[in-house]
Amino acid sequence: MHATILICSASLALLTLLLAFWTSIQRGSRQPIAYDAPLDPTSGMAKAQRAHGNAAEYAGLLIGLFLIAGFAYQGRDLGGLMSWSIIAVTAARFVHALGFLICASLEKPHVLKMIGALVTYLGGLLIAGLTLAKAI
């Protein structure tokens, strides 16, 4: 398997686990811990939950897509476009999570969330398209 795919896949898993840990820390710092209480969209807890939830929603899909691309390119060089797309999408997920954690409120757009989402969508489509083209 290509090193780029392995490193980026492990990075996405690490991001999701670190955000889960941060959510637990945020939850533990609230006294008392109220699992069903409504969350203030400006609170660290709400931001941590959304950052983790969004990372978890995309990590599995992207890791799977990266691995499928790796199988399609098995024994061949990934090439610059595929390699940089995988790296860009992985970086975009970190940027997106950071946007959640530093935004003033979850109710307002943040430039990092928008950039992270856009690069994820476009890069993911490119990776899927390149993989499909290699398989055909």
N, C-alpha and C. Protein backbone atom coordinates (compact mmCIF):
# COMPACT_ATOMS: atom_id res chain seq x y z
N MET A 1 0.86 -1.18 0.00
CA MET A 1 0.00 0.00 0.00
C MET A 1 0.90 1.24 0.00
N HIS A 2 0.46 2.27 -0.62
CA HIS A 2 1.22 3.51 -0.73
C HIS A 2 1.32 4.22 0.62
N ALA A 3 2.51 4.77 0.91
CA ALA A 3 2.75 5.45 2.19
C ALA A 3 1.81 6.64 2.37
N THR A 4 1.53 7.37 1.30
CA THR A 4 0.63 8.53 1.40
C THR A 4 -0.73 8.10 1.92
N ILE A 5 -1.24 7.01 1.39
CA ILE A 5 -2.55 6.51 1.80
C ILE A 5 -2.53 6.07 3.26
N LEU A 6 -1.50 5.36 3.65
CA LEU A 6 -1.40 4.88 5.03
C LEU A 6 -1.27 6.04 6.02
N ILE A 7 -0.43 7.01 5.70
CA ILE A 7 -0.23 8.16 6.59
C ILE A 7 -1.51 8.98 6.70
N CYS A 8 -2.16 9.24 5.57
CA CYS A 8 -3.38 10.07 5.60
C CYS A 8 -4.53 9.33 6.28
N SER A 9 -4.64 8.04 6.06
CA SER A 9 -5.69 7.26 6.73
C SER A 9 -5.48 7.25 8.24
N ALA A 10 -4.26 7.01 8.66
CA ALA A 10 -3.95 7.02 10.10
C ALA A 10 -4.18 8.41 10.68
N SER A 11 -3.88 9.45 9.93
CA SER A 11 -4.10 10.82 10.41
C SER A 11 -5.57 11.12 10.63
N LEU A 12 -6.43 10.64 9.73
CA LEU A 12 -7.87 10.84 9.90
C LEU A 12 -8.39 10.09 11.12
N ALA A 13 -7.89 8.88 11.34
CA ALA A 13 -8.29 8.12 12.53
C ALA A 13 -7.80 8.83 13.79
N LEU A 14 -6.57 9.32 13.76
CA LEU A 14 -6.01 10.05 14.89
C LEU A 14 -6.82 11.32 15.18
N LEU A 15 -7.18 12.06 14.14
CA LEU A 15 -8.00 13.26 14.32
C LEU A 15 -9.30 12.92 15.02
N THR A 16 -9.98 11.89 14.57
CA THR A 16 -11.26 11.50 15.16
C THR A 16 -11.09 11.09 16.62
N LEU A 17 -10.06 10.34 16.92
CA LEU A 17 -9.82 9.91 18.30
C LEU A 17 -9.44 11.08 19.21
N LEU A 18 -8.63 12.00 18.71
CA LEU A 18 -8.27 13.16 19.51
C LEU A 18 -9.48 14.06 19.78
N LEU A 19 -10.34 14.21 18.78
CA LEU A 19 -11.55 15.01 18.98
C LEU A 19 -12.51 14.31 19.95
N ALA A 20 -12.55 12.99 19.93
CA ALA A 20 -13.37 12.25 20.89
C ALA A 20 -12.84 12.48 22.31
N PHE A 21 -11.53 12.43 22.45
CA PHE A 21 -10.91 12.67 23.75
C PHE A 21 -11.20 14.09 24.23
N TRP A 22 -11.08 15.07 23.32
CA TRP A 22 -11.36 16.46 23.69
C TRP A 22 -12.83 16.62 24.10
N THR A 23 -13.73 15.93 23.42
CA THR A 23 -15.14 15.98 23.80
C THR A 23 -15.34 15.41 25.20
N SER A 24 -14.65 14.33 25.50
CA SER A 24 -14.74 13.75 26.85
C SER A 24 -14.20 14.71 27.90
N ILE A 25 -13.12 15.37 27.60
CA ILE A 25 -12.57 16.36 28.54
C ILE A 25 -13.58 17.49 28.76
N GLN A 26 -14.17 17.97 27.68
CA GLN A 26 -15.16 19.04 27.80
C GLN A 26 -16.36 18.57 28.62
N ARG A 27 -16.81 17.35 28.36
CA ARG A 27 -17.95 16.81 29.10
C ARG A 27 -17.61 16.67 30.58
N GLY A 28 -16.42 16.18 30.88
CA GLY A 28 -16.01 15.99 32.27
C GLY A 28 -15.81 17.29 33.03
N SER A 29 -15.54 18.37 32.30
CA SER A 29 -15.34 19.65 32.99
C SER A 29 -16.65 20.34 33.33
N ARG A 30 -17.75 19.83 32.80
CA ARG A 30 -19.07 20.39 33.12
C ARG A 30 -19.58 19.75 34.40
N GLN A 31 -20.01 20.53 35.31
CA GLN A 31 -20.54 19.99 36.56
C GLN A 31 -21.95 20.49 36.77
N PRO A 32 -22.93 19.68 36.93
CA PRO A 32 -22.86 18.23 36.75
C PRO A 32 -22.87 17.87 35.27
N ILE A 33 -22.49 16.64 34.97
CA ILE A 33 -22.53 16.17 33.59
C ILE A 33 -23.99 15.91 33.24
N ALA A 34 -24.47 16.60 32.23
CA ALA A 34 -25.88 16.48 31.82
C ALA A 34 -25.90 16.06 30.35
N TYR A 35 -26.10 14.79 30.11
CA TYR A 35 -26.01 14.25 28.75
C TYR A 35 -27.14 14.74 27.84
N ASP A 36 -28.32 14.96 28.38
CA ASP A 36 -29.45 15.34 27.54
C ASP A 36 -29.76 16.84 27.57
N ALA A 37 -28.94 17.61 28.25
CA ALA A 37 -29.21 19.04 28.37
C ALA A 37 -28.93 19.73 27.04
N PRO A 38 -29.74 20.73 26.70
CA PRO A 38 -29.47 21.49 25.47
C PRO A 38 -28.13 22.21 25.61
N LEU A 39 -27.43 22.34 24.49
CA LEU A 39 -26.11 22.95 24.52
C LEU A 39 -26.14 24.36 23.95
N ASP A 40 -25.43 25.23 24.59
CA ASP A 40 -25.22 26.59 24.10
C ASP A 40 -24.28 26.49 22.89
N PRO A 41 -24.67 27.04 21.72
CA PRO A 41 -23.83 26.91 20.52
C PRO A 41 -22.49 27.64 20.62
N THR A 42 -22.28 28.41 21.68
CA THR A 42 -20.99 29.06 21.88
C THR A 42 -20.11 28.30 22.87
N SER A 43 -20.65 27.23 23.45
CA SER A 43 -19.89 26.49 24.47
C SER A 43 -18.84 25.58 23.85
N GLY A 44 -17.79 25.37 24.62
CA GLY A 44 -16.74 24.46 24.19
C GLY A 44 -17.25 23.05 23.99
N MET A 45 -18.22 22.66 24.80
CA MET A 45 -18.79 21.32 24.68
C MET A 45 -19.51 21.15 23.36
N ALA A 46 -20.34 22.10 22.98
CA ALA A 46 -21.07 22.01 21.71
C ALA A 46 -20.10 21.99 20.54
N LYS A 47 -19.08 22.82 20.60
CA LYS A 47 -18.09 22.88 19.51
C LYS A 47 -17.32 21.57 19.41
N ALA A 48 -16.93 21.03 20.56
CA ALA A 48 -16.19 19.75 20.57
C ALA A 48 -17.05 18.62 20.01
N GLN A 49 -18.32 18.58 20.41
CA GLN A 49 -19.21 17.52 19.92
C GLN A 49 -19.38 17.59 18.41
N ARG A 50 -19.60 18.80 17.88
CA ARG A 50 -19.80 18.94 16.44
C ARG A 50 -18.52 18.64 15.66
N ALA A 51 -17.38 19.09 16.19
CA ALA A 51 -16.11 18.81 15.52
C ALA A 51 -15.87 17.31 15.46
N HIS A 52 -16.10 16.62 16.58
CA HIS A 52 -15.91 15.18 16.61
C HIS A 52 -16.93 14.47 15.72
N GLY A 53 -18.19 14.85 15.84
CA GLY A 53 -19.23 14.20 15.04
C GLY A 53 -18.98 14.34 13.55
N ASN A 54 -18.58 15.53 13.12
CA ASN A 54 -18.33 15.74 11.71
C ASN A 54 -17.10 14.97 11.24
N ALA A 55 -16.05 14.95 12.06
CA ALA A 55 -14.85 14.18 11.70
C ALA A 55 -15.19 12.70 11.58
N ALA A 56 -15.98 12.20 12.52
CA ALA A 56 -16.36 10.78 12.49
C ALA A 56 -17.22 10.45 11.28
N GLU A 57 -18.07 11.39 10.86
CA GLU A 57 -18.92 11.16 9.69
C GLU A 57 -18.10 10.98 8.42
N TYR A 58 -16.99 11.68 8.31
CA TYR A 58 -16.21 11.64 7.07
C TYR A 58 -15.00 10.71 7.13
N ALA A 59 -14.47 10.42 8.30
CA ALA A 59 -13.24 9.63 8.40
C ALA A 59 -13.39 8.26 7.74
N GLY A 60 -14.44 7.54 8.07
CA GLY A 60 -14.62 6.21 7.51
C GLY A 60 -14.76 6.23 5.99
N LEU A 61 -15.57 7.16 5.50
CA LEU A 61 -15.76 7.29 4.06
C LEU A 61 -14.43 7.59 3.36
N LEU A 62 -13.68 8.54 3.89
CA LEU A 62 -12.43 8.93 3.24
C LEU A 62 -11.37 7.84 3.34
N ILE A 63 -11.26 7.20 4.50
CA ILE A 63 -10.30 6.10 4.63
C ILE A 63 -10.65 4.99 3.63
N GLY A 64 -11.92 4.67 3.54
CA GLY A 64 -12.35 3.66 2.56
C GLY A 64 -12.01 4.08 1.14
N LEU A 65 -12.27 5.33 0.81
CA LEU A 65 -11.96 5.84 -0.53
C LEU A 65 -10.46 5.79 -0.80
N PHE A 66 -9.67 6.18 0.19
CA PHE A 66 -8.21 6.13 0.04
C PHE A 66 -7.75 4.69 -0.21
N LEU A 67 -8.30 3.74 0.55
CA LEU A 67 -7.90 2.34 0.39
C LEU A 67 -8.31 1.77 -0.96
N ILE A 68 -9.50 2.13 -1.41
CA ILE A 68 -9.95 1.69 -2.74
C ILE A 68 -9.02 2.25 -3.81
N ALA A 69 -8.65 3.52 -3.66
CA ALA A 69 -7.70 4.12 -4.60
C ALA A 69 -6.38 3.37 -4.56
N GLY A 70 -5.94 3.00 -3.36
CA GLY A 70 -4.70 2.24 -3.23
C GLY A 70 -4.76 0.90 -3.95
N PHE A 71 -5.90 0.23 -3.87
CA PHE A 71 -6.05 -1.03 -4.60
C PHE A 71 -6.07 -0.80 -6.10
N ALA A 72 -6.73 0.27 -6.54
CA ALA A 72 -6.79 0.57 -7.97
C ALA A 72 -5.40 0.90 -8.52
N TYR A 73 -4.56 1.51 -7.70
CA TYR A 73 -3.21 1.90 -8.12
C TYR A 73 -2.14 0.93 -7.64
N GLN A 74 -2.55 -0.25 -7.19
CA GLN A 74 -1.61 -1.22 -6.64
C GLN A 74 -0.54 -1.56 -7.68
N GLY A 75 0.72 -1.48 -7.24
CA GLY A 75 1.83 -1.78 -8.13
C GLY A 75 2.18 -0.64 -9.07
N ARG A 76 1.49 0.47 -8.95
CA ARG A 76 1.75 1.65 -9.80
C ARG A 76 1.91 2.88 -8.92
N ASP A 77 2.56 3.86 -9.47
CA ASP A 77 2.71 5.13 -8.79
C ASP A 77 1.35 5.82 -8.72
N LEU A 78 1.04 6.43 -7.57
CA LEU A 78 -0.22 7.16 -7.44
C LEU A 78 -0.28 8.36 -8.37
N GLY A 79 0.86 8.92 -8.63
CA GLY A 79 0.88 10.14 -9.45
C GLY A 79 0.64 11.36 -8.57
N GLY A 80 1.05 12.50 -9.07
CA GLY A 80 0.96 13.73 -8.31
C GLY A 80 -0.46 14.15 -7.99
N LEU A 81 -1.36 14.06 -8.97
CA LEU A 81 -2.73 14.53 -8.76
C LEU A 81 -3.43 13.72 -7.67
N MET A 82 -3.30 12.41 -7.71
CA MET A 82 -3.94 11.56 -6.69
C MET A 82 -3.29 11.78 -5.33
N SER A 83 -1.96 11.79 -5.30
CA SER A 83 -1.26 11.96 -4.02
C SER A 83 -1.63 13.29 -3.37
N TRP A 84 -1.57 14.37 -4.12
CA TRP A 84 -1.86 15.68 -3.56
C TRP A 84 -3.33 15.84 -3.21
N SER A 85 -4.20 15.16 -3.93
CA SER A 85 -5.63 15.20 -3.58
C SER A 85 -5.88 14.53 -2.24
N ILE A 86 -5.25 13.39 -2.02
CA ILE A 86 -5.39 12.67 -0.75
C ILE A 86 -4.84 13.52 0.40
N ILE A 87 -3.69 14.13 0.19
CA ILE A 87 -3.09 14.98 1.21
C ILE A 87 -3.97 16.20 1.48
N ALA A 88 -4.48 16.82 0.42
CA ALA A 88 -5.32 18.02 0.57
C ALA A 88 -6.61 17.71 1.32
N VAL A 89 -7.25 16.59 1.01
CA VAL A 89 -8.49 16.22 1.69
C VAL A 89 -8.21 15.94 3.17
N THR A 90 -7.12 15.28 3.45
CA THR A 90 -6.76 15.00 4.85
C THR A 90 -6.51 16.31 5.60
N ALA A 91 -5.74 17.20 5.02
CA ALA A 91 -5.48 18.50 5.65
C ALA A 91 -6.78 19.28 5.82
N ALA A 92 -7.67 19.18 4.85
CA ALA A 92 -8.95 19.89 4.91
C ALA A 92 -9.79 19.44 6.10
N ARG A 93 -9.72 18.17 6.45
CA ARG A 93 -10.47 17.68 7.60
C ARG A 93 -9.93 18.28 8.90
N PHE A 94 -8.62 18.48 8.98
CA PHE A 94 -8.04 19.13 10.15
C PHE A 94 -8.45 20.60 10.21
N VAL A 95 -8.42 21.27 9.06
CA VAL A 95 -8.81 22.68 8.98
C VAL A 95 -10.28 22.83 9.37
N HIS A 96 -11.11 21.93 8.89
CA HIS A 96 -12.54 21.95 9.18
C HIS A 96 -12.79 21.79 10.68
N ALA A 97 -12.11 20.83 11.30
CA ALA A 97 -12.26 20.60 12.74
C ALA A 97 -11.79 21.83 13.53
N LEU A 98 -10.69 22.42 13.11
CA LEU A 98 -10.20 23.62 13.78
C LEU A 98 -11.23 24.75 13.69
N GLY A 99 -11.88 24.87 12.54
CA GLY A 99 -12.92 25.87 12.38
C GLY A 99 -14.05 25.70 13.38
N PHE A 100 -14.44 24.47 13.65
CA PHE A 100 -15.46 24.21 14.66
C PHE A 100 -14.98 24.62 16.05
N LEU A 101 -13.74 24.29 16.36
CA LEU A 101 -13.24 24.52 17.71
C LEU A 101 -12.98 25.99 18.02
N ILE A 102 -12.67 26.80 17.01
CA ILE A 102 -12.34 28.20 17.29
C ILE A 102 -13.44 29.18 16.88
N CYS A 103 -14.52 28.71 16.28
CA CYS A 103 -15.58 29.63 15.86
C CYS A 103 -16.23 30.29 17.07
N ALA A 104 -16.78 31.47 16.86
CA ALA A 104 -17.45 32.18 17.95
C ALA A 104 -18.72 31.46 18.36
N SER A 105 -19.44 30.95 17.37
CA SER A 105 -20.69 30.23 17.62
C SER A 105 -20.94 29.25 16.49
N LEU A 106 -21.53 28.11 16.82
CA LEU A 106 -21.87 27.13 15.79
C LEU A 106 -22.96 27.64 14.86
N GLU A 107 -23.65 28.68 15.28
CA GLU A 107 -24.75 29.22 14.49
C GLU A 107 -24.27 30.17 13.39
N LYS A 108 -22.98 30.50 13.39
CA LYS A 108 -22.44 31.42 12.40
C LYS A 108 -21.41 30.70 11.54
N PRO A 109 -21.34 31.03 10.24
CA PRO A 109 -20.32 30.43 9.37
C PRO A 109 -18.91 30.83 9.83
N HIS A 110 -17.96 29.98 9.53
CA HIS A 110 -16.56 30.27 9.81
C HIS A 110 -15.76 29.89 8.57
N VAL A 111 -14.81 30.72 8.19
CA VAL A 111 -14.06 30.52 6.96
C VAL A 111 -13.32 29.18 6.94
N LEU A 112 -12.78 28.74 8.08
CA LEU A 112 -12.07 27.46 8.10
C LEU A 112 -13.01 26.28 7.86
N LYS A 113 -14.21 26.37 8.39
CA LYS A 113 -15.19 25.30 8.14
C LYS A 113 -15.55 25.27 6.66
N MET A 114 -15.72 26.44 6.06
CA MET A 114 -16.10 26.50 4.65
C MET A 114 -14.98 25.98 3.75
N ILE A 115 -13.75 26.39 4.02
CA ILE A 115 -12.61 25.91 3.22
C ILE A 115 -12.45 24.40 3.39
N GLY A 116 -12.51 23.93 4.63
CA GLY A 116 -12.37 22.50 4.88
C GLY A 116 -13.43 21.68 4.18
N ALA A 117 -14.67 22.15 4.22
CA ALA A 117 -15.76 21.43 3.56
C ALA A 117 -15.58 21.43 2.04
N LEU A 118 -15.27 22.59 1.47
CA LEU A 118 -15.13 22.69 0.02
C LEU A 118 -14.01 21.80 -0.51
N VAL A 119 -12.86 21.83 0.16
CA VAL A 119 -11.74 20.98 -0.27
C VAL A 119 -12.08 19.50 -0.10
N THR A 120 -12.81 19.17 0.97
CA THR A 120 -13.23 17.78 1.18
C THR A 120 -14.13 17.32 0.03
N TYR A 121 -15.13 18.12 -0.30
CA TYR A 121 -16.08 17.73 -1.35
C TYR A 121 -15.39 17.62 -2.70
N LEU A 122 -14.67 18.66 -3.09
CA LEU A 122 -14.03 18.65 -4.42
C LEU A 122 -12.92 17.61 -4.50
N GLY A 123 -12.10 17.54 -3.46
CA GLY A 123 -11.02 16.55 -3.45
C GLY A 123 -11.55 15.12 -3.42
N GLY A 124 -12.58 14.89 -2.63
CA GLY A 124 -13.18 13.55 -2.57
C GLY A 124 -13.76 13.13 -3.91
N LEU A 125 -14.43 14.06 -4.57
CA LEU A 125 -14.97 13.77 -5.91
C LEU A 125 -13.84 13.47 -6.90
N LEU A 126 -12.76 14.23 -6.82
CA LEU A 126 -11.61 14.01 -7.70
C LEU A 126 -10.99 12.63 -7.46
N ILE A 127 -10.80 12.29 -6.20
CA ILE A 127 -10.21 10.98 -5.86
C ILE A 127 -11.11 9.86 -6.36
N ALA A 128 -12.42 9.99 -6.13
CA ALA A 128 -13.35 8.96 -6.59
C ALA A 128 -13.32 8.87 -8.12
N GLY A 129 -13.29 10.01 -8.78
CA GLY A 129 -13.25 10.01 -10.25
C GLY A 129 -11.98 9.40 -10.80
N LEU A 130 -10.84 9.75 -10.21
CA LEU A 130 -9.57 9.17 -10.66
C LEU A 130 -9.53 7.67 -10.42
N THR A 131 -10.07 7.23 -9.30
CA THR A 131 -10.11 5.80 -8.99
C THR A 131 -11.01 5.08 -9.97
N LEU A 132 -12.15 5.64 -10.24
CA LEU A 132 -13.08 5.04 -11.20
C LEU A 132 -12.45 4.98 -12.59
N ALA A 133 -11.79 6.04 -12.99
CA ALA A 133 -11.12 6.06 -14.31
C ALA A 133 -10.03 5.00 -14.40
N LYS A 134 -9.32 4.77 -13.30
CA LYS A 134 -8.26 3.76 -13.29
C LYS A 134 -8.86 2.35 -13.38
N ALA A 135 -10.06 2.17 -12.84
CA ALA A 135 -10.69 0.85 -12.82
C ALA A 135 -11.34 0.50 -14.16
N ILE A 136 -11.69 1.51 -14.92
CA ILE A 136 -12.41 1.26 -16.18
C ILE A 136 -11.46 0.90 -17.30
